[in-house]
PDB file of N, CA and C in Angstrom:
ATOM      1  N   MET A   1      26.977 -13.172 -10.095  1.00  0.00           N
ATOM      2  CA  MET A   1      27.070 -13.090  -8.769  1.00  0.00           C
ATOM      3  C   MET A   1      27.762 -14.451  -8.173  1.00  0.00           C
ATOM      4  N   SER A   2      28.588 -14.476  -7.197  1.00  0.00           N
ATOM      5  CA  SER A   2      29.305 -15.646  -6.989  1.00  0.00           C
ATOM      6  C   SER A   2      28.411 -16.496  -5.964  1.00  0.00           C
ATOM      7  N   THR A   3      28.627 -17.573  -5.965  1.00  0.00           N
ATOM      8  CA  THR A   3      27.988 -18.633  -5.266  1.00  0.00           C
ATOM      9  C   THR A   3      27.931 -18.180  -3.567  1.00  0.00           C
ATOM     10  N   ILE A   4      29.076 -18.019  -3.086  1.00  0.00           N
ATOM     11  CA  ILE A   4      29.189 -17.579  -1.643  1.00  0.00           C
ATOM     12  C   ILE A   4      28.473 -16.050  -1.589  1.00  0.00           C
ATOM     13  N   LEU A   5      28.197 -15.347  -2.322  1.00  0.00           N
ATOM     14  CA  LEU A   5      27.792 -13.853  -2.390  1.00  0.00           C
ATOM     15  C   LEU A   5      26.204 -13.901  -2.323  1.00  0.00           C
ATOM     16  N   ARG A   6      25.811 -14.982  -3.203  1.00  0.00           N
ATOM     17  CA  ARG A   6      24.174 -15.406  -3.201  1.00  0.00           C
ATOM     18  C   ARG A   6      23.924 -15.984  -1.801  1.00  0.00           C
ATOM     19  N   THR A   7      24.696 -16.910  -1.431  1.00  0.00           N
ATOM     20  CA  THR A   7      24.416 -17.575  -0.293  1.00  0.00           C
ATOM     21  C   THR A   7      24.427 -16.631   1.106  1.00  0.00           C
ATOM     22  N   ALA A   8      25.483 -15.958   1.016  1.00  0.00           N
ATOM     23  CA  ALA A   8      25.482 -14.905   2.037  1.00  0.00           C
ATOM     24  C   ALA A   8      24.223 -13.823   1.846  1.00  0.00           C
ATOM     25  N   GLY A   9      23.830 -13.495   0.743  1.00  0.00           N
ATOM     26  CA  GLY A   9      22.872 -12.495   0.718  1.00  0.00           C
ATOM     27  C   GLY A   9      21.411 -13.127   1.316  1.00  0.00           C
ATOM     28  N   LEU A  10      21.173 -14.524   0.680  1.00  0.00           N
ATOM     29  CA  LEU A  10      20.170 -15.217   1.226  1.00  0.00           C
ATOM     30  C   LEU A  10      20.057 -15.420   2.705  1.00  0.00           C
ATOM     31  N   LEU A  11      21.286 -15.522   3.206  1.00  0.00           N
ATOM     32  CA  LEU A  11      21.278 -15.966   4.690  1.00  0.00           C
ATOM     33  C   LEU A  11      21.173 -14.476   5.480  1.00  0.00           C
ATOM     34  N   VAL A  12      21.378 -13.542   4.787  1.00  0.00           N
ATOM     35  CA  VAL A  12      21.155 -12.167   5.738  1.00  0.00           C
ATOM     36  C   VAL A  12      19.596 -11.915   5.724  1.00  0.00           C
ATOM     37  N   VAL A  13      18.959 -12.256   4.652  1.00  0.00           N
ATOM     38  CA  VAL A  13      17.527 -12.148   4.666  1.00  0.00           C
ATOM     39  C   VAL A  13      16.805 -12.937   5.632  1.00  0.00           C
ATOM     40  N   SER A  14      17.553 -14.437   5.448  1.00  0.00           N
ATOM     41  CA  SER A  14      16.879 -15.507   6.498  1.00  0.00           C
ATOM     42  C   SER A  14      17.237 -15.056   7.849  1.00  0.00           C
ATOM     43  N   ASN A  15      18.195 -14.643   8.267  1.00  0.00           N
ATOM     44  CA  ASN A  15      18.666 -14.483   9.666  1.00  0.00           C
ATOM     45  C   ASN A  15      17.832 -13.170  10.087  1.00  0.00           C
ATOM     46  N   THR A  16      17.538 -12.132   9.354  1.00  0.00           N
ATOM     47  CA  THR A  16      16.537 -11.141   9.701  1.00  0.00           C
ATOM     48  C   THR A  16      15.327 -11.528  10.139  1.00  0.00           C
ATOM     49  N   PHE A  17      14.569 -12.572   9.173  1.00  0.00           N
ATOM     50  CA  PHE A  17      13.459 -13.036   9.760  1.00  0.00           C
ATOM     51  C   PHE A  17      13.555 -13.877  10.794  1.00  0.00           C
ATOM     52  N   MET A  18      14.543 -14.848  10.956  1.00  0.00           N
ATOM     53  CA  MET A  18      14.704 -15.516  12.109  1.00  0.00           C
ATOM     54  C   MET A  18      14.966 -14.695  13.431  1.00  0.00           C
ATOM     55  N   THR A  19      15.380 -13.723  13.188  1.00  0.00           N
ATOM     56  CA  THR A  19      15.796 -12.870  14.550  1.00  0.00           C
ATOM     57  C   THR A  19      14.623 -12.272  15.091  1.00  0.00           C
ATOM     58  N   PHE A  20      13.763 -11.752  13.881  1.00  0.00           N
ATOM     59  CA  PHE A  20      12.394 -11.105  14.327  1.00  0.00           C
ATOM     60  C   PHE A  20      11.474 -12.309  14.949  1.00  0.00           C
ATOM     61  N   ALA A  21      11.519 -13.463  14.315  1.00  0.00           N
ATOM     62  CA  ALA A  21      10.866 -14.619  14.698  1.00  0.00           C
ATOM     63  C   ALA A  21      11.222 -15.305  16.178  1.00  0.00           C
ATOM     64  N   TRP A  22      12.229 -15.063  16.598  1.00  0.00           N
ATOM     65  CA  TRP A  22      12.911 -15.456  17.918  1.00  0.00           C
ATOM     66  C   TRP A  22      12.698 -14.535  18.983  1.00  0.00           C
ATOM     67  N   TYR A  23      12.978 -13.420  18.752  1.00  0.00           N
ATOM     68  CA  TYR A  23      12.909 -12.270  19.894  1.00  0.00           C
ATOM     69  C   TYR A  23      11.936 -10.984  19.515  1.00  0.00           C
ATOM     70  N   ALA A  24      11.625 -10.682  18.433  1.00  0.00           N
ATOM     71  CA  ALA A  24      10.605  -9.554  18.516  1.00  0.00           C
ATOM     72  C   ALA A  24       9.399  -9.520  19.237  1.00  0.00           C
ATOM     73  N   HIS A  25       8.954 -10.973  19.606  1.00  0.00           N
ATOM     74  CA  HIS A  25       7.763 -10.869  20.375  1.00  0.00           C
ATOM     75  C   HIS A  25       7.836 -10.524  21.754  1.00  0.00           C
ATOM     76  N   LEU A  26       9.307 -10.549  22.212  1.00  0.00           N
ATOM     77  CA  LEU A  26       9.424 -10.119  23.786  1.00  0.00           C
ATOM     78  C   LEU A  26       9.269  -8.511  23.929  1.00  0.00           C
ATOM     79  N   ARG A  27       9.301  -7.827  22.645  1.00  0.00           N
ATOM     80  CA  ARG A  27       9.156  -6.393  22.769  1.00  0.00           C
ATOM     81  C   ARG A  27       7.570  -5.986  22.220  1.00  0.00           C
ATOM     82  N   ASN A  28       7.113  -6.789  21.326  1.00  0.00           N
ATOM     83  CA  ASN A  28       5.781  -6.378  20.753  1.00  0.00           C
ATOM     84  C   ASN A  28       4.652  -7.140  21.201  1.00  0.00           C
ATOM     85  N   LEU A  29       4.896  -8.521  21.718  1.00  0.00           N
ATOM     86  CA  LEU A  29       3.671  -9.397  22.192  1.00  0.00           C
ATOM     87  C   LEU A  29       3.820  -9.669  23.505  1.00  0.00           C
ATOM     88  N   SER A  30       4.473  -8.829  24.428  1.00  0.00           N
ATOM     89  CA  SER A  30       4.618  -9.372  25.981  1.00  0.00           C
ATOM     90  C   SER A  30       3.546  -9.271  26.697  1.00  0.00           C
ATOM     91  N   ASP A  31       2.422  -8.664  26.298  1.00  0.00           N
ATOM     92  CA  ASP A  31       0.939  -8.688  26.863  1.00  0.00           C
ATOM     93  C   ASP A  31      -0.015  -9.386  26.330  1.00  0.00           C
ATOM     94  N   ARG A  32       0.524 -10.535  25.385  1.00  0.00           N
ATOM     95  CA  ARG A  32      -0.289 -11.675  24.785  1.00  0.00           C
ATOM     96  C   ARG A  32       0.194 -12.958  25.630  1.00  0.00           C
ATOM     97  N   LYS A  33      -0.639 -13.862  25.282  1.00  0.00           N
ATOM     98  CA  LYS A  33      -0.267 -15.273  25.827  1.00  0.00           C
ATOM     99  C   LYS A  33       0.741 -15.782  24.938  1.00  0.00           C
ATOM    100  N   TRP A  34       1.536 -16.606  25.397  1.00  0.00           N
ATOM    101  CA  TRP A  34       2.766 -17.385  24.677  1.00  0.00           C
ATOM    102  C   TRP A  34       2.484 -17.964  23.451  1.00  0.00           C
ATOM    103  N   TYR A  35       1.291 -18.438  23.419  1.00  0.00           N
ATOM    104  CA  TYR A  35       0.995 -19.391  22.221  1.00  0.00           C
ATOM    105  C   TYR A  35       0.618 -18.617  21.098  1.00  0.00           C
ATOM    106  N   VAL A  36      -0.035 -17.348  21.555  1.00  0.00           N
ATOM    107  CA  VAL A  36      -0.199 -16.430  20.341  1.00  0.00           C
ATOM    108  C   VAL A  36       1.148 -15.754  19.790  1.00  0.00           C
ATOM    109  N   ALA A  37       2.077 -15.634  20.672  1.00  0.00           N
ATOM    110  CA  ALA A  37       3.310 -15.066  20.106  1.00  0.00           C
ATOM    111  C   ALA A  37       3.993 -16.340  19.306  1.00  0.00           C
ATOM    112  N   ALA A  38       3.775 -17.618  19.910  1.00  0.00           N
ATOM    113  CA  ALA A  38       4.353 -18.681  19.065  1.00  0.00           C
ATOM    114  C   ALA A  38       3.679 -19.066  17.779  1.00  0.00           C
ATOM    115  N   VAL A  39       2.488 -18.872  17.797  1.00  0.00           N
ATOM    116  CA  VAL A  39       1.940 -18.738  16.191  1.00  0.00           C
ATOM    117  C   VAL A  39       2.524 -17.653  15.352  1.00  0.00           C
ATOM    118  N   ILE A  40       2.540 -16.279  15.750  1.00  0.00           N
ATOM    119  CA  ILE A  40       3.132 -15.171  15.095  1.00  0.00           C
ATOM    120  C   ILE A  40       4.363 -15.582  14.680  1.00  0.00           C
ATOM    121  N   SER A  41       5.430 -16.124  15.787  1.00  0.00           N
ATOM    122  CA  SER A  41       6.691 -16.375  15.369  1.00  0.00           C
ATOM    123  C   SER A  41       6.802 -17.608  14.271  1.00  0.00           C
ATOM    124  N   TRP A  42       5.947 -18.494  14.515  1.00  0.00           N
ATOM    125  CA  TRP A  42       6.086 -19.527  13.461  1.00  0.00           C
ATOM    126  C   TRP A  42       5.633 -19.106  12.015  1.00  0.00           C
ATOM    127  N   SER A  43       4.815 -18.165  12.001  1.00  0.00           N
ATOM    128  CA  SER A  43       4.404 -17.635  10.633  1.00  0.00           C
ATOM    129  C   SER A  43       5.472 -16.827  10.181  1.00  0.00           C
ATOM    130  N   ILE A  44       6.282 -16.053  10.968  1.00  0.00           N
ATOM    131  CA  ILE A  44       7.434 -15.328  10.480  1.00  0.00           C
ATOM    132  C   ILE A  44       8.655 -16.316  10.023  1.00  0.00           C
ATOM    133  N   ALA A  45       8.744 -17.232  10.853  1.00  0.00           N
ATOM    134  CA  ALA A  45       9.736 -18.384  10.590  1.00  0.00           C
ATOM    135  C   ALA A  45       9.541 -19.081   9.276  1.00  0.00           C
ATOM    136  N   PHE A  46       8.479 -19.067   8.736  1.00  0.00           N
ATOM    137  CA  PHE A  46       8.104 -19.826   7.465  1.00  0.00           C
ATOM    138  C   PHE A  46       8.981 -18.951   6.149  1.00  0.00           C
ATOM    139  N   PHE A  47       9.163 -17.627   6.279  1.00  0.00           N
ATOM    140  CA  PHE A  47       9.699 -17.049   5.465  1.00  0.00           C
ATOM    141  C   PHE A  47      11.357 -16.966   5.797  1.00  0.00           C
ATOM    142  N   GLU A  48      11.570 -17.220   7.063  1.00  0.00           N
ATOM    143  CA  GLU A  48      13.090 -17.660   7.116  1.00  0.00           C
ATOM    144  C   GLU A  48      13.394 -18.667   6.253  1.00  0.00           C
ATOM    145  N   TYR A  49      12.615 -19.925   6.521  1.00  0.00           N
ATOM    146  CA  TYR A  49      13.081 -20.962   5.788  1.00  0.00           C
ATOM    147  C   TYR A  49      12.923 -20.895   4.249  1.00  0.00           C
ATOM    148  N   MET A  50      12.006 -20.135   3.771  1.00  0.00           N
ATOM    149  CA  MET A  50      11.946 -19.848   2.546  1.00  0.00           C
ATOM    150  C   MET A  50      13.301 -19.118   1.921  1.00  0.00           C
ATOM    151  N   PHE A  51      14.106 -18.505   2.702  1.00  0.00           N
ATOM    152  CA  PHE A  51      15.486 -17.986   2.217  1.00  0.00           C
ATOM    153  C   PHE A  51      16.437 -18.874   2.548  1.00  0.00           C
ATOM    154  N   GLN A  52      16.408 -19.586   3.786  1.00  0.00           N
ATOM    155  CA  GLN A  52      17.508 -20.424   4.242  1.00  0.00           C
ATOM    156  C   GLN A  52      17.767 -21.678   3.518  1.00  0.00           C
ATOM    157  N   VAL A  53      16.787 -22.280   3.226  1.00  0.00           N
ATOM    158  CA  VAL A  53      16.982 -23.785   2.324  1.00  0.00           C
ATOM    159  C   VAL A  53      17.377 -23.441   1.085  1.00  0.00           C
ATOM    160  N   PRO A  54      17.114 -22.531   0.267  1.00  0.00           N
ATOM    161  CA  PRO A  54      18.046 -22.326  -0.938  1.00  0.00           C
ATOM    162  C   PRO A  54      19.255 -21.621  -0.655  1.00  0.00           C
ATOM    163  N   ALA A  55      19.578 -20.835   0.283  1.00  0.00           N
ATOM    164  CA  ALA A  55      20.774 -20.189   0.593  1.00  0.00           C
ATOM    165  C   ALA A  55      21.959 -21.614   0.951  1.00  0.00           C
ATOM    166  N   ASN A  56      21.481 -22.606   1.771  1.00  0.00           N
ATOM    167  CA  ASN A  56      22.108 -23.665   2.106  1.00  0.00           C
ATOM    168  C   ASN A  56      22.498 -24.517   0.947  1.00  0.00           C
ATOM    169  N   ARG A  57      21.279 -24.954   0.058  1.00  0.00           N
ATOM    170  CA  ARG A  57      21.546 -25.572  -1.094  1.00  0.00           C
ATOM    171  C   ARG A  57      22.558 -24.827  -2.251  1.00  0.00           C
ATOM    172  N   ILE A  58      22.692 -23.633  -2.454  1.00  0.00           N
ATOM    173  CA  ILE A  58      23.468 -22.989  -2.985  1.00  0.00           C
ATOM    174  C   ILE A  58      25.069 -22.963  -2.603  1.00  0.00           C
ATOM    175  N   GLY A  59      25.047 -22.630  -1.362  1.00  0.00           N
ATOM    176  CA  GLY A  59      26.218 -22.522  -0.563  1.00  0.00           C
ATOM    177  C   GLY A  59      27.012 -23.737  -0.669  1.00  0.00           C
ATOM    178  N   TYR A  60      26.297 -25.011  -0.575  1.00  0.00           N
ATOM    179  CA  TYR A  60      27.060 -26.407  -0.389  1.00  0.00           C
ATOM    180  C   TYR A  60      27.509 -26.720  -1.768  1.00  0.00           C
ATOM    181  N   GLN A  61      27.213 -26.005  -2.576  1.00  0.00           N
ATOM    182  CA  GLN A  61      27.965 -26.181  -3.877  1.00  0.00           C
ATOM    183  C   GLN A  61      29.480 -25.894  -3.979  1.00  0.00           C
ATOM    184  N   ALA A  62      29.480 -24.561  -3.229  1.00  0.00           N
ATOM    185  CA  ALA A  62      31.084 -24.151  -3.061  1.00  0.00           C
ATOM    186  C   ALA A  62      31.629 -24.335  -1.597  1.00  0.00           C
ATOM    187  N   LEU A  63      30.921 -24.531  -0.775  1.00  0.00           N
ATOM    188  CA  LEU A  63      31.468 -24.601   0.716  1.00  0.00           C
ATOM    189  C   LEU A  63      31.041 -25.877   1.200  1.00  0.00           C
ATOM    190  N   SER A  64      32.093 -26.518   2.109  1.00  0.00           N
ATOM    191  CA  SER A  64      32.103 -27.497   3.034  1.00  0.00           C
ATOM    192  C   SER A  64      30.822 -27.416   4.066  1.00  0.00           C
ATOM    193  N   LEU A  65      30.262 -28.297   4.669  1.00  0.00           N
ATOM    194  CA  LEU A  65      29.120 -28.197   5.564  1.00  0.00           C
ATOM    195  C   LEU A  65      29.694 -27.351   6.706  1.00  0.00           C
ATOM    196  N   GLY A  66      30.653 -27.387   7.160  1.00  0.00           N
ATOM    197  CA  GLY A  66      31.564 -26.698   8.402  1.00  0.00           C
ATOM    198  C   GLY A  66      31.641 -25.249   8.033  1.00  0.00           C
ATOM    199  N   GLN A  67      32.074 -24.907   6.774  1.00  0.00           N
ATOM    200  CA  GLN A  67      32.122 -23.620   6.357  1.00  0.00           C
ATOM    201  C   GLN A  67      30.634 -22.870   6.182  1.00  0.00           C
ATOM    202  N   LEU A  68      29.827 -23.706   5.607  1.00  0.00           N
ATOM    203  CA  LEU A  68      28.548 -23.163   5.532  1.00  0.00           C
ATOM    204  C   LEU A  68      27.747 -22.770   6.958  1.00  0.00           C
ATOM    205  N   LYS A  69      27.946 -23.617   7.858  1.00  0.00           N
ATOM    206  CA  LYS A  69      27.648 -23.513   9.150  1.00  0.00           C
ATOM    207  C   LYS A  69      28.364 -22.290   9.844  1.00  0.00           C
ATOM    208  N   MET A  70      29.755 -22.193   9.815  1.00  0.00           N
ATOM    209  CA  MET A  70      30.270 -20.947  10.116  1.00  0.00           C
ATOM    210  C   MET A  70      30.022 -19.684   9.428  1.00  0.00           C
ATOM    211  N   LEU A  71      29.641 -19.488   8.108  1.00  0.00           N
ATOM    212  CA  LEU A  71      29.154 -18.256   7.661  1.00  0.00           C
ATOM    213  C   LEU A  71      27.820 -18.227   8.073  1.00  0.00           C
ATOM    214  N   GLN A  72      26.814 -19.117   8.243  1.00  0.00           N
ATOM    215  CA  GLN A  72      25.582 -18.765   8.967  1.00  0.00           C
ATOM    216  C   GLN A  72      25.715 -18.100  10.230  1.00  0.00           C
ATOM    217  N   GLU A  73      26.716 -18.576  11.098  1.00  0.00           N
ATOM    218  CA  GLU A  73      26.897 -18.127  12.486  1.00  0.00           C
ATOM    219  C   GLU A  73      27.671 -16.779  12.506  1.00  0.00           C
ATOM    220  N   ILE A  74      28.329 -16.405  11.598  1.00  0.00           N
ATOM    221  CA  ILE A  74      28.668 -15.193  11.467  1.00  0.00           C
ATOM    222  C   ILE A  74      27.800 -14.121  11.112  1.00  0.00           C
ATOM    223  N   ILE A  75      26.920 -14.698  10.163  1.00  0.00           N
ATOM    224  CA  ILE A  75      25.611 -13.888   9.734  1.00  0.00           C
ATOM    225  C   ILE A  75      24.770 -13.533  10.796  1.00  0.00           C
ATOM    226  N   THR A  76      24.613 -14.643  11.500  1.00  0.00           N
ATOM    227  CA  THR A  76      23.552 -14.459  12.722  1.00  0.00           C
ATOM    228  C   THR A  76      24.056 -13.372  13.624  1.00  0.00           C
ATOM    229  N   LEU A  77      25.305 -13.464  13.880  1.00  0.00           N
ATOM    230  CA  LEU A  77      25.633 -12.431  15.046  1.00  0.00           C
ATOM    231  C   LEU A  77      25.626 -11.098  14.370  1.00  0.00           C
ATOM    232  N   SER A  78      26.066 -10.907  12.858  1.00  0.00           N
ATOM    233  CA  SER A  78      26.038  -9.742  12.300  1.00  0.00           C
ATOM    234  C   SER A  78      24.737  -9.022  12.290  1.00  0.00           C
ATOM    235  N   VAL A  79      23.654  -9.919  12.274  1.00  0.00           N
ATOM    236  CA  VAL A  79      22.285  -9.378  12.101  1.00  0.00           C
ATOM    237  C   VAL A  79      21.635  -9.238  13.756  1.00  0.00           C
ATOM    238  N   PHE A  80      22.112 -10.022  14.313  1.00  0.00           N
ATOM    239  CA  PHE A  80      21.618 -10.087  15.867  1.00  0.00           C
ATOM    240  C   PHE A  80      21.797  -8.787  16.597  1.00  0.00           C
ATOM    241  N   VAL A  81      23.242  -8.377  16.268  1.00  0.00           N
ATOM    242  CA  VAL A  81      23.971  -7.088  17.183  1.00  0.00           C
ATOM    243  C   VAL A  81      23.168  -6.081  16.910  1.00  0.00           C
ATOM    244  N   PRO A  82      22.941  -5.447  15.583  1.00  0.00           N
ATOM    245  CA  PRO A  82      22.157  -4.283  15.242  1.00  0.00           C
ATOM    246  C   PRO A  82      20.626  -4.322  15.697  1.00  0.00           C
ATOM    247  N   PHE A  83      20.122  -5.783  15.555  1.00  0.00           N
ATOM    248  CA  PHE A  83      18.645  -5.917  16.238  1.00  0.00           C
ATOM    249  C   PHE A  83      18.506  -5.622  17.536  1.00  0.00           C
ATOM    250  N   ALA A  84      19.563  -6.071  18.398  1.00  0.00           N
ATOM    251  CA  ALA A  84      19.595  -6.016  19.651  1.00  0.00           C
ATOM    252  C   ALA A  84      19.608  -4.535  19.976  1.00  0.00           C
ATOM    253  N   ILE A  85      20.485  -3.646  19.401  1.00  0.00           N
ATOM    254  CA  ILE A  85      21.005  -2.354  19.751  1.00  0.00           C
ATOM    255  C   ILE A  85      19.560  -1.323  19.293  1.00  0.00           C
ATOM    256  N   LEU A  86      19.663  -1.640  17.957  1.00  0.00           N
ATOM    257  CA  LEU A  86      18.475  -0.725  17.309  1.00  0.00           C
ATOM    258  C   LEU A  86      17.179  -0.942  17.596  1.00  0.00           C
ATOM    259  N   TYR A  87      16.817  -2.206  17.447  1.00  0.00           N
ATOM    260  CA  TYR A  87      15.272  -2.728  17.689  1.00  0.00           C
ATOM    261  C   TYR A  87      14.781  -2.797  19.107  1.00  0.00           C
ATOM    262  N   MET A  88      15.684  -3.622  19.941  1.00  0.00           N
ATOM    263  CA  MET A  88      15.157  -3.959  21.200  1.00  0.00           C
ATOM    264  C   MET A  88      15.706  -3.317  22.319  1.00  0.00           C
ATOM    265  N   LYS A  89      16.493  -2.024  21.676  1.00  0.00           N
ATOM    266  CA  LYS A  89      17.008  -0.985  22.639  1.00  0.00           C
ATOM    267  C   LYS A  89      18.150  -1.572  23.624  1.00  0.00           C
ATOM    268  N   GLN A  90      18.629  -2.647  23.322  1.00  0.00           N
ATOM    269  CA  GLN A  90      19.748  -3.041  24.231  1.00  0.00           C
ATOM    270  C   GLN A  90      20.730  -1.871  24.176  1.00  0.00           C
ATOM    271  N   PRO A  91      21.475  -1.885  25.296  1.00  0.00           N
ATOM    272  CA  PRO A  91      22.769  -1.041  25.171  1.00  0.00           C
ATOM    273  C   PRO A  91      23.844  -1.815  24.446  1.00  0.00           C
ATOM    274  N   PRO A  92      24.729  -1.108  23.594  1.00  0.00           N
ATOM    275  CA  PRO A  92      25.888  -1.833  23.117  1.00  0.00           C
ATOM    276  C   PRO A  92      26.920  -2.050  24.322  1.00  0.00           C
ATOM    277  N   ARG A  93      27.439  -3.497  24.120  1.00  0.00           N
ATOM    278  CA  ARG A  93      28.156  -4.008  24.907  1.00  0.00           C
ATOM    279  C   ARG A  93      29.513  -4.518  24.259  1.00  0.00           C
ATOM    280  N   LEU A  94      30.540  -4.680  25.143  1.00  0.00           N
ATOM    281  CA  LEU A  94      31.723  -4.816  24.678  1.00  0.00           C
ATOM    282  C   LEU A  94      31.913  -6.411  24.310  1.00  0.00           C
ATOM    283  N   ASP A  95      30.919  -7.149  25.036  1.00  0.00           N
ATOM    284  CA  ASP A  95      30.773  -8.587  24.649  1.00  0.00           C
ATOM    285  C   ASP A  95      30.293  -9.009  23.202  1.00  0.00           C
ATOM    286  N   PHE A  96      29.731  -8.070  22.742  1.00  0.00           N
ATOM    287  CA  PHE A  96      29.574  -8.333  21.112  1.00  0.00           C
ATOM    288  C   PHE A  96      30.723  -8.255  20.333  1.00  0.00           C
ATOM    289  N   LEU A  97      31.527  -7.210  20.918  1.00  0.00           N
ATOM    290  CA  LEU A  97      32.829  -7.383  20.065  1.00  0.00           C
ATOM    291  C   LEU A  97      33.708  -8.731  20.606  1.00  0.00           C
ATOM    292  N   TRP A  98      33.678  -9.102  21.743  1.00  0.00           N
ATOM    293  CA  TRP A  98      34.554 -10.190  22.045  1.00  0.00           C
ATOM    294  C   TRP A  98      33.785 -11.400  21.286  1.00  0.00           C
ATOM    295  N   ALA A  99      32.621 -11.698  21.385  1.00  0.00           N
ATOM    296  CA  ALA A  99      32.102 -12.397  20.525  1.00  0.00           C
ATOM    297  C   ALA A  99      32.321 -12.647  19.225  1.00  0.00           C
ATOM    298  N   SER A 100      32.196 -11.452  18.459  1.00  0.00           N
ATOM    299  CA  SER A 100      32.578 -11.358  16.801  1.00  0.00           C
ATOM    300  C   SER A 100      34.112 -11.655  16.733  1.00  0.00           C
ATOM    301  N   LEU A 101      35.110 -11.252  17.598  1.00  0.00           N
ATOM    302  CA  LEU A 101      36.360 -11.651  17.816  1.00  0.00           C
ATOM    303  C   LEU A 101      36.690 -13.147  17.793  1.00  0.00           C
ATOM    304  N   CYS A 102      35.810 -14.051  18.530  1.00  0.00           N
ATOM    305  CA  CYS A 102      35.842 -15.303  18.686  1.00  0.00           C
ATOM    306  C   CYS A 102      35.460 -15.963  17.359  1.00  0.00           C
ATOM    307  N   MET A 103      34.360 -15.425  16.718  1.00  0.00           N
ATOM    308  CA  MET A 103      33.800 -15.748  15.365  1.00  0.00           C
ATOM    309  C   MET A 103      34.918 -15.666  14.268  1.00  0.00           C
ATOM    310  N   VAL A 104      35.835 -14.574  14.338  1.00  0.00           N
ATOM    311  CA  VAL A 104      36.977 -14.528  13.536  1.00  0.00           C
ATOM    312  C   VAL A 104      37.789 -15.568  13.711  1.00  0.00           C
ATOM    313  N   GLY A 105      38.113 -16.037  14.640  1.00  0.00           N
ATOM    314  CA  GLY A 105      39.023 -17.058  15.098  1.00  0.00           C
ATOM    315  C   GLY A 105      38.328 -18.333  14.588  1.00  0.00           C
ATOM    316  N   ALA A 106      37.187 -18.494  14.737  1.00  0.00           N
ATOM    317  CA  ALA A 106      36.483 -19.850  14.239  1.00  0.00           C
ATOM    318  C   ALA A 106      36.311 -19.980  12.872  1.00  0.00           C
ATOM    319  N   ALA A 107      36.196 -18.709  12.100  1.00  0.00           N
ATOM    320  CA  ALA A 107      36.137 -18.644  10.744  1.00  0.00           C
ATOM    321  C   ALA A 107      37.617 -19.060  10.072  1.00  0.00           C
ATOM    322  N   TYR A 108      38.660 -18.755  10.640  1.00  0.00           N
ATOM    323  CA  TYR A 108      40.010 -18.808  10.407  1.00  0.00           C
ATOM    324  C   TYR A 108      40.138 -20.293  10.165  1.00  0.00           C
ATOM    325  N   PHE A 109      39.985 -21.017  11.339  1.00  0.00           N
ATOM    326  CA  PHE A 109      40.066 -22.568  11.487  1.00  0.00           C
ATOM    327  C   PHE A 109      39.203 -23.173  10.458  1.00  0.00           C
ATOM    328  N   MET A 110      37.958 -22.630  10.281  1.00  0.00           N
ATOM    329  CA  MET A 110      37.112 -23.489   9.144  1.00  0.00           C
ATOM    330  C   MET A 110      37.369 -23.032   7.940  1.00  0.00           C
ATOM    331  N   PHE A 111      37.922 -21.908   7.376  1.00  0.00           N
ATOM    332  CA  PHE A 111      38.172 -21.764   6.112  1.00  0.00           C
ATOM    333  C   PHE A 111      39.675 -21.843   5.611  1.00  0.00           C
ATOM    334  N   ARG A 112      40.560 -21.929   6.766  1.00  0.00           N
ATOM    335  CA  ARG A 112      41.881 -22.383   6.278  1.00  0.00           C
ATOM    336  C   ARG A 112      42.179 -23.327   5.426  1.00  0.00           C
ATOM    337  N   ALA A 113      43.216 -23.386   4.614  1.00  0.00           N
ATOM    338  CA  ALA A 113      43.558 -24.597   3.687  1.00  0.00           C
ATOM    339  C   ALA A 113      43.779 -25.752   4.617  1.00  0.00           C
ATOM    340  N   ALA A 114      43.039 -26.899   4.344  1.00  0.00           N
ATOM    341  CA  ALA A 114      43.251 -28.050   5.113  1.00  0.00           C
ATOM    342  C   ALA A 114      44.539 -28.670   4.670  1.00  0.00           C
TER     343      ALA A 114
END
């Protein structure tokens, strides 16, 4: 499996944990004190880092730091949009499309031959 594909796979898993750590408490723990939500979120974030750190170490072998960050941001948006719509029950918005198109432009500049 290629370095970039392994990196992307690990980042998808990492971002899934990250998205739940950052936002799921808004739906699931809204009746609890903020510090309870924080401790639970920190617990989830531990698993995020268990995938994110190896992903960045593997990815940095084939990608520049800027390219690695851009890959991370694209994956973040790719994980967040379905999470927002399916889990948080947010209505789909055209803004998701426009943000994605901006990411395409950013990826072009970050990955083009310099």
